PDB file of N, CA and C in Angstrom:
ATOM      1  N   UNK A   1      -8.491-103.560 -35.929  1.00  0.00           N
ATOM      2  CA  UNK A   1      -8.540-103.077 -37.289  1.00  0.00           C
ATOM      3  C   UNK A   1      -7.180-102.463 -37.644  1.00  0.00           C
ATOM      4  N   UNK A   2      -6.661-102.816 -38.787  1.00  0.00           N
ATOM      5  CA  UNK A   2      -5.352-102.306 -39.204  1.00  0.00           C
ATOM      6  C   UNK A   2      -5.494-100.891 -39.764  1.00  0.00           C
ATOM      7  N   UNK A   3      -4.373-100.250 -39.926  1.00  0.00           N
ATOM      8  CA  UNK A   3      -4.373 -98.897 -40.482  1.00  0.00           C
ATOM      9  C   UNK A   3      -4.907 -98.898 -41.904  1.00  0.00           C
ATOM     10  N   UNK A   4      -4.562 -99.912 -42.672  1.00  0.00           N
ATOM     11  CA  UNK A   4      -5.045-100.002 -44.057  1.00  0.00           C
ATOM     12  C   UNK A   4      -6.558-100.141 -44.088  1.00  0.00           C
ATOM     13  N   UNK A   5      -7.119-100.912 -43.165  1.00  0.00           N
ATOM     14  CA  UNK A   5      -8.575-101.078 -43.112  1.00  0.00           C
ATOM     15  C   UNK A   5      -9.268 -99.779 -42.715  1.00  0.00           C
ATOM     16  N   UNK A   6      -8.698 -99.072 -41.747  1.00  0.00           N
ATOM     17  CA  UNK A   6      -9.264 -97.788 -41.332  1.00  0.00           C
ATOM     18  C   UNK A   6      -9.234 -96.790 -42.489  1.00  0.00           C
ATOM     19  N   UNK A   7      -8.110 -96.773 -43.185  1.00  0.00           N
ATOM     20  CA  UNK A   7      -7.963 -95.867 -44.318  1.00  0.00           C
ATOM     21  C   UNK A   7      -8.977 -96.199 -45.403  1.00  0.00           C
ATOM     22  N   UNK A   8      -9.165 -97.468 -45.670  1.00  0.00           N
ATOM     23  CA  UNK A   8     -10.128 -97.900 -46.693  1.00  0.00           C
ATOM     24  C   UNK A   8     -11.544 -97.450 -46.331  1.00  0.00           C
ATOM     25  N   UNK A   9     -11.907 -97.608 -45.058  1.00  0.00           N
ATOM     26  CA  UNK A   9     -13.239 -97.191 -44.619  1.00  0.00           C
ATOM     27  C   UNK A   9     -13.425 -95.681 -44.746  1.00  0.00           C
ATOM     28  N   UNK A  10     -12.403 -94.945 -44.364  1.00  0.00           N
ATOM     29  CA  UNK A  10     -12.509 -93.484 -44.446  1.00  0.00           C
ATOM     30  C   UNK A  10     -12.604 -93.010 -45.896  1.00  0.00           C
ATOM     31  N   UNK A  11     -11.823 -93.614 -46.760  1.00  0.00           N
ATOM     32  CA  UNK A  11     -11.811 -93.210 -48.161  1.00  0.00           C
ATOM     33  C   UNK A  11     -13.166 -93.468 -48.821  1.00  0.00           C
ATOM     34  N   UNK A  12     -13.856 -94.518 -48.409  1.00  0.00           N
ATOM     35  CA  UNK A  12     -15.153 -94.838 -49.002  1.00  0.00           C
ATOM     36  C   UNK A  12     -16.186 -93.733 -48.776  1.00  0.00           C
ATOM     37  N   UNK A  13     -16.005 -92.935 -47.731  1.00  0.00           N
ATOM     38  CA  UNK A  13     -16.980 -91.900 -47.404  1.00  0.00           C
ATOM     39  C   UNK A  13     -16.672 -90.556 -48.070  1.00  0.00           C
ATOM     40  N   UNK A  14     -15.505 -90.449 -48.697  1.00  0.00           N
ATOM     41  CA  UNK A  14     -15.077 -89.168 -49.254  1.00  0.00           C
ATOM     42  C   UNK A  14     -15.581 -88.973 -50.683  1.00  0.00           C
ATOM     43  N   UNK A  15     -15.714 -87.694 -51.100  1.00  0.00           N
ATOM     44  CA  UNK A  15     -16.048 -87.423 -52.504  1.00  0.00           C
ATOM     45  C   UNK A  15     -14.851 -87.732 -53.413  1.00  0.00           C
ATOM     46  N   UNK A  16     -15.138 -87.902 -54.689  1.00  0.00           N
ATOM     47  CA  UNK A  16     -14.112 -88.313 -55.663  1.00  0.00           C
ATOM     48  C   UNK A  16     -12.920 -87.353 -55.707  1.00  0.00           C
ATOM     49  N   UNK A  17     -13.168 -86.053 -55.585  1.00  0.00           N
ATOM     50  CA  UNK A  17     -12.072 -85.076 -55.659  1.00  0.00           C
ATOM     51  C   UNK A  17     -11.072 -85.273 -54.515  1.00  0.00           C
ATOM     52  N   UNK A  18     -11.573 -85.575 -53.325  1.00  0.00           N
ATOM     53  CA  UNK A  18     -10.676 -85.791 -52.192  1.00  0.00           C
ATOM     54  C   UNK A  18      -9.966 -87.135 -52.302  1.00  0.00           C
ATOM     55  N   UNK A  19     -10.622 -88.112 -52.896  1.00  0.00           N
ATOM     56  CA  UNK A  19      -9.975 -89.408 -53.109  1.00  0.00           C
ATOM     57  C   UNK A  19      -8.804 -89.242 -54.076  1.00  0.00           C
ATOM     58  N   UNK A  20      -8.981 -88.394 -55.101  1.00  0.00           N
ATOM     59  CA  UNK A  20      -7.887 -88.114 -56.035  1.00  0.00           C
ATOM     60  C   UNK A  20      -6.708 -87.463 -55.318  1.00  0.00           C
ATOM     61  N   UNK A  21      -6.988 -86.563 -54.383  1.00  0.00           N
ATOM     62  CA  UNK A  21      -5.914 -85.923 -53.612  1.00  0.00           C
ATOM     63  C   UNK A  21      -5.150 -86.957 -52.785  1.00  0.00           C
ATOM     64  N   UNK A  22      -5.862 -87.858 -52.160  1.00  0.00           N
ATOM     65  CA  UNK A  22      -5.225 -88.904 -51.358  1.00  0.00           C
ATOM     66  C   UNK A  22      -4.386 -89.810 -52.241  1.00  0.00           C
ATOM     67  N   UNK A  23      -4.912 -90.139 -53.409  1.00  0.00           N
ATOM     68  CA  UNK A  23      -4.171 -90.972 -54.347  1.00  0.00           C
ATOM     69  C   UNK A  23      -2.886 -90.284 -54.794  1.00  0.00           C
ATOM     70  N   UNK A  24      -2.970 -89.001 -55.111  1.00  0.00           N
ATOM     71  CA  UNK A  24      -1.767 -88.249 -55.498  1.00  0.00           C
ATOM     72  C   UNK A  24      -0.738 -88.241 -54.375  1.00  0.00           C
ATOM     73  N   UNK A  25      -1.201 -88.044 -53.157  1.00  0.00           N
ATOM     74  CA  UNK A  25      -0.289 -88.030 -52.008  1.00  0.00           C
ATOM     75  C   UNK A  25       0.353 -89.403 -51.809  1.00  0.00           C
ATOM     76  N   UNK A  26      -0.432 -90.463 -51.925  1.00  0.00           N
ATOM     77  CA  UNK A  26       0.100 -91.818 -51.758  1.00  0.00           C
ATOM     78  C   UNK A  26       1.130 -92.129 -52.839  1.00  0.00           C
ATOM     79  N   UNK A  27       0.858 -91.700 -54.071  1.00  0.00           N
ATOM     80  CA  UNK A  27       1.828 -91.922 -55.148  1.00  0.00           C
ATOM     81  C   UNK A  27       3.103 -91.127 -54.909  1.00  0.00           C
ATOM     82  N   UNK A  28       2.969 -89.904 -54.381  1.00  0.00           N
ATOM     83  CA  UNK A  28       4.137 -89.096 -54.035  1.00  0.00           C
ATOM     84  C   UNK A  28       4.995 -89.801 -52.982  1.00  0.00           C
ATOM     85  N   UNK A  29       4.353 -90.310 -51.931  1.00  0.00           N
ATOM     86  CA  UNK A  29       5.090 -91.021 -50.882  1.00  0.00           C
ATOM     87  C   UNK A  29       5.772 -92.269 -51.435  1.00  0.00           C
ATOM     88  N   UNK A  30       5.075 -92.975 -52.311  1.00  0.00           N
ATOM     89  CA  UNK A  30       5.648 -94.185 -52.903  1.00  0.00           C
ATOM     90  C   UNK A  30       6.875 -93.829 -53.749  1.00  0.00           C
ATOM     91  N   UNK A  31       6.780 -92.789 -54.550  1.00  0.00           N
ATOM     92  CA  UNK A  31       7.906 -92.365 -55.394  1.00  0.00           C
ATOM     93  C   UNK A  31       9.063 -91.891 -54.535  1.00  0.00           C
ATOM     94  N   UNK A  32       8.762 -91.182 -53.467  1.00  0.00           N
ATOM     95  CA  UNK A  32       9.790 -90.688 -52.554  1.00  0.00           C
ATOM     96  C   UNK A  32      10.544 -91.854 -51.918  1.00  0.00           C
ATOM     97  N   UNK A  33       9.833 -92.918 -51.623  1.00  0.00           N
ATOM     98  CA  UNK A  33      10.443 -94.094 -51.012  1.00  0.00           C
ATOM     99  C   UNK A  33      11.356 -94.811 -52.004  1.00  0.00           C
ATOM    100  N   UNK A  34      10.986 -94.811 -53.284  1.00  0.00           N
ATOM    101  CA  UNK A  34      11.763 -95.520 -54.296  1.00  0.00           C
ATOM    102  C   UNK A  34      13.038 -94.787 -54.694  1.00  0.00           C
ATOM    103  N   UNK A  35      12.988 -93.473 -54.731  1.00  0.00           N
ATOM    104  CA  UNK A  35      14.159 -92.721 -55.188  1.00  0.00           C
ATOM    105  C   UNK A  35      15.111 -92.457 -54.027  1.00  0.00           C
ATOM    106  N   UNK A  36      16.426 -92.622 -54.268  1.00  0.00           N
ATOM    107  CA  UNK A  36      17.398 -92.357 -53.203  1.00  0.00           C
ATOM    108  C   UNK A  36      17.491 -90.859 -52.940  1.00  0.00           C
ATOM    109  N   UNK A  37      17.851 -90.472 -51.724  1.00  0.00           N
ATOM    110  CA  UNK A  37      17.983 -89.044 -51.424  1.00  0.00           C
ATOM    111  C   UNK A  37      19.096 -88.438 -52.261  1.00  0.00           C
ATOM    112  N   UNK A  38      18.873 -87.242 -52.741  1.00  0.00           N
ATOM    113  CA  UNK A  38      19.850 -86.584 -53.593  1.00  0.00           C
ATOM    114  C   UNK A  38      20.793 -85.746 -52.751  1.00  0.00           C
ATOM    115  N   UNK A  39      22.080 -85.955 -52.979  1.00  0.00           N
ATOM    116  CA  UNK A  39      23.084 -85.186 -52.257  1.00  0.00           C
ATOM    117  C   UNK A  39      23.247 -83.822 -52.929  1.00  0.00           C
ATOM    118  N   UNK A  40      23.593 -82.849 -52.151  1.00  0.00           N
ATOM    119  CA  UNK A  40      23.840 -81.512 -52.691  1.00  0.00           C
ATOM    120  C   UNK A  40      25.207 -81.532 -53.352  1.00  0.00           C
ATOM    121  N   UNK A  41      25.224 -81.167 -54.607  1.00  0.00           N
ATOM    122  CA  UNK A  41      26.487 -81.206 -55.332  1.00  0.00           C
ATOM    123  C   UNK A  41      27.414 -80.097 -54.853  1.00  0.00           C
ATOM    124  N   UNK A  42      28.715 -80.385 -54.831  1.00  0.00           N
ATOM    125  CA  UNK A  42      29.661 -79.359 -54.395  1.00  0.00           C
ATOM    126  C   UNK A  42      29.619 -78.176 -55.361  1.00  0.00           C
ATOM    127  N   UNK A  43      29.784 -76.995 -54.814  1.00  0.00           N
ATOM    128  CA  UNK A  43      29.778 -75.806 -55.643  1.00  0.00           C
ATOM    129  C   UNK A  43      28.450 -75.078 -55.638  1.00  0.00           C
ATOM    130  N   UNK A  44      27.432 -75.667 -55.051  1.00  0.00           N
ATOM    131  CA  UNK A  44      26.164 -74.953 -54.965  1.00  0.00           C
ATOM    132  C   UNK A  44      26.239 -73.951 -53.823  1.00  0.00           C
ATOM    133  N   UNK A  45      25.329 -73.023 -53.836  1.00  0.00           N
ATOM    134  CA  UNK A  45      25.360 -71.997 -52.791  1.00  0.00           C
ATOM    135  C   UNK A  45      25.165 -72.582 -51.405  1.00  0.00           C
ATOM    136  N   UNK A  46      24.359 -73.608 -51.294  1.00  0.00           N
ATOM    137  CA  UNK A  46      24.165 -74.201 -49.975  1.00  0.00           C
ATOM    138  C   UNK A  46      25.441 -74.882 -49.498  1.00  0.00           C
ATOM    139  N   UNK A  47      26.289 -75.322 -50.419  1.00  0.00           N
ATOM    140  CA  UNK A  47      27.559 -75.920 -50.038  1.00  0.00           C
ATOM    141  C   UNK A  47      28.546 -74.894 -49.519  1.00  0.00           C
ATOM    142  N   UNK A  48      28.287 -73.620 -49.796  1.00  0.00           N
ATOM    143  CA  UNK A  48      29.193 -72.547 -49.379  1.00  0.00           C
ATOM    144  C   UNK A  48      28.749 -71.868 -48.089  1.00  0.00           C
ATOM    145  N   UNK A  49      27.715 -72.401 -47.465  1.00  0.00           N
ATOM    146  CA  UNK A  49      27.176 -71.777 -46.253  1.00  0.00           C
ATOM    147  C   UNK A  49      28.267 -71.622 -45.200  1.00  0.00           C
ATOM    148  N   UNK A  50      28.405 -70.415 -44.664  1.00  0.00           N
ATOM    149  CA  UNK A  50      29.352 -70.159 -43.593  1.00  0.00           C
ATOM    150  C   UNK A  50      30.743 -69.806 -44.072  1.00  0.00           C
ATOM    151  N   UNK A  51      30.975 -69.732 -45.377  1.00  0.00           N
ATOM    152  CA  UNK A  51      32.320 -69.486 -45.885  1.00  0.00           C
ATOM    153  C   UNK A  51      32.788 -68.066 -45.551  1.00  0.00           C
ATOM    154  N   UNK A  52      31.877 -67.129 -45.453  1.00  0.00           N
ATOM    155  CA  UNK A  52      32.255 -65.748 -45.173  1.00  0.00           C
ATOM    156  C   UNK A  52      32.072 -65.387 -43.704  1.00  0.00           C
ATOM    157  N   UNK A  53      31.994 -66.385 -42.870  1.00  0.00           N
ATOM    158  CA  UNK A  53      31.782 -66.152 -41.450  1.00  0.00           C
ATOM    159  C   UNK A  53      33.033 -65.537 -40.828  1.00  0.00           C
ATOM    160  N   UNK A  54      32.827 -64.554 -39.995  1.00  0.00           N
ATOM    161  CA  UNK A  54      33.940 -63.930 -39.289  1.00  0.00           C
ATOM    162  C   UNK A  54      34.301 -64.754 -38.061  1.00  0.00           C
ATOM    163  N   UNK A  55      35.543 -64.716 -37.702  1.00  0.00           N
ATOM    164  CA  UNK A  55      35.935 -65.377 -36.459  1.00  0.00           C
ATOM    165  C   UNK A  55      35.665 -64.422 -35.306  1.00  0.00           C
ATOM    166  N   UNK A  56      35.293 -64.948 -34.191  1.00  0.00           N
ATOM    167  CA  UNK A  56      35.007 -64.121 -33.034  1.00  0.00           C
ATOM    168  C   UNK A  56      33.575 -63.632 -33.012  1.00  0.00           C
ATOM    169  N   UNK A  57      33.336 -62.575 -32.245  1.00  0.00           N
ATOM    170  CA  UNK A  57      31.991 -62.033 -32.093  1.00  0.00           C
ATOM    171  C   UNK A  57      31.578 -61.238 -33.318  1.00  0.00           C
ATOM    172  N   UNK A  58      30.295 -61.191 -33.553  1.00  0.00           N
ATOM    173  CA  UNK A  58      29.770 -60.401 -34.669  1.00  0.00           C
ATOM    174  C   UNK A  58      29.932 -58.921 -34.350  1.00  0.00           C
ATOM    175  N   UNK A  59      30.268 -58.111 -35.358  1.00  0.00           N
ATOM    176  CA  UNK A  59      30.449 -56.677 -35.105  1.00  0.00           C
ATOM    177  C   UNK A  59      29.112 -55.998 -34.807  1.00  0.00           C
ATOM    178  N   UNK A  60      29.198 -54.887 -34.090  1.00  0.00           N
ATOM    179  CA  UNK A  60      27.983 -54.129 -33.770  1.00  0.00           C
ATOM    180  C   UNK A  60      27.535 -53.354 -35.005  1.00  0.00           C
ATOM    181  N   UNK A  61      26.357 -52.774 -34.918  1.00  0.00           N
ATOM    182  CA  UNK A  61      25.845 -51.974 -36.031  1.00  0.00           C
ATOM    183  C   UNK A  61      26.745 -50.776 -36.323  1.00  0.00           C
ATOM    184  N   UNK A  62      27.257 -50.144 -35.263  1.00  0.00           N
ATOM    185  CA  UNK A  62      28.149 -48.994 -35.441  1.00  0.00           C
ATOM    186  C   UNK A  62      29.440 -49.405 -36.137  1.00  0.00           C
ATOM    187  N   UNK A  63      29.986 -50.556 -35.753  1.00  0.00           N
ATOM    188  CA  UNK A  63      31.212 -51.043 -36.395  1.00  0.00           C
ATOM    189  C   UNK A  63      30.974 -51.367 -37.861  1.00  0.00           C
ATOM    190  N   UNK A  64      29.846 -51.975 -38.152  1.00  0.00           N
ATOM    191  CA  UNK A  64      29.521 -52.280 -39.545  1.00  0.00           C
ATOM    192  C   UNK A  64      29.375 -51.011 -40.372  1.00  0.00           C
ATOM    193  N   UNK A  65      28.712 -50.014 -39.808  1.00  0.00           N
ATOM    194  CA  UNK A  65      28.535 -48.757 -40.523  1.00  0.00           C
ATOM    195  C   UNK A  65      29.885 -48.073 -40.747  1.00  0.00           C
ATOM    196  N   UNK A  66      30.769 -48.113 -39.747  1.00  0.00           N
ATOM    197  CA  UNK A  66      32.096 -47.507 -39.902  1.00  0.00           C
ATOM    198  C   UNK A  66      32.892 -48.242 -40.976  1.00  0.00           C
ATOM    199  N   UNK A  67      32.831 -49.578 -40.992  1.00  0.00           N
ATOM    200  CA  UNK A  67      33.534 -50.347 -42.019  1.00  0.00           C
ATOM    201  C   UNK A  67      33.014 -50.015 -43.406  1.00  0.00           C
ATOM    202  N   UNK A  68      31.696 -49.897 -43.545  1.00  0.00           N
ATOM    203  CA  UNK A  68      31.107 -49.601 -44.839  1.00  0.00           C
ATOM    204  C   UNK A  68      31.465 -48.186 -45.288  1.00  0.00           C
ATOM    205  N   UNK A  69      31.485 -47.258 -44.360  1.00  0.00           N
ATOM    206  CA  UNK A  69      31.883 -45.885 -44.673  1.00  0.00           C
ATOM    207  C   UNK A  69      33.327 -45.857 -45.146  1.00  0.00           C
ATOM    208  N   UNK A  70      34.198 -46.571 -44.458  1.00  0.00           N
ATOM    209  CA  UNK A  70      35.606 -46.650 -44.868  1.00  0.00           C
ATOM    210  C   UNK A  70      35.740 -47.279 -46.253  1.00  0.00           C
ATOM    211  N   UNK A  71      34.964 -48.326 -46.492  1.00  0.00           N
ATOM    212  CA  UNK A  71      35.000 -48.992 -47.788  1.00  0.00           C
ATOM    213  C   UNK A  71      34.594 -48.031 -48.902  1.00  0.00           C
ATOM    214  N   UNK A  72      33.499 -47.300 -48.704  1.00  0.00           N
ATOM    215  CA  UNK A  72      33.035 -46.368 -49.728  1.00  0.00           C
ATOM    216  C   UNK A  72      34.022 -45.219 -49.931  1.00  0.00           C
ATOM    217  N   UNK A  73      34.620 -44.751 -48.835  1.00  0.00           N
ATOM    218  CA  UNK A  73      35.610 -43.683 -48.927  1.00  0.00           C
ATOM    219  C   UNK A  73      36.799 -44.126 -49.772  1.00  0.00           C
ATOM    220  N   UNK A  74      37.295 -45.316 -49.510  1.00  0.00           N
ATOM    221  CA  UNK A  74      38.440 -45.844 -50.274  1.00  0.00           C
ATOM    222  C   UNK A  74      38.057 -46.109 -51.726  1.00  0.00           C
ATOM    223  N   UNK A  75      36.866 -46.573 -51.953  1.00  0.00           N
ATOM    224  CA  UNK A  75      36.438 -46.919 -53.296  1.00  0.00           C
ATOM    225  C   UNK A  75      36.307 -45.687 -54.186  1.00  0.00           C
ATOM    226  N   UNK A  76      35.807 -44.580 -53.648  1.00  0.00           N
ATOM    227  CA  UNK A  76      35.515 -43.410 -54.453  1.00  0.00           C
ATOM    228  C   UNK A  76      36.498 -42.252 -54.251  1.00  0.00           C
ATOM    229  N   UNK A  77      37.665 -42.516 -53.705  1.00  0.00           N
ATOM    230  CA  UNK A  77      38.669 -41.453 -53.564  1.00  0.00           C
ATOM    231  C   UNK A  77      39.348 -41.202 -54.873  1.00  0.00           C
TER     232      UNK A  77
END
């Protein structure tokens, strides 16, 4: 028995509401297959991932707090 035949048999036993759900899902898969994958356009936030990455090891919590304290001190002097 093929997959299509098994699916047909299973669908025959389901209530109408669940058959509608299966139909919606099948149409979604069909549409997904027809449309080409969309590339992420340059300039989006996902295209900028990693741009602010530091070189080397990540700073510790104490180092981050000291940097932020220095930043605030300089900003509000």
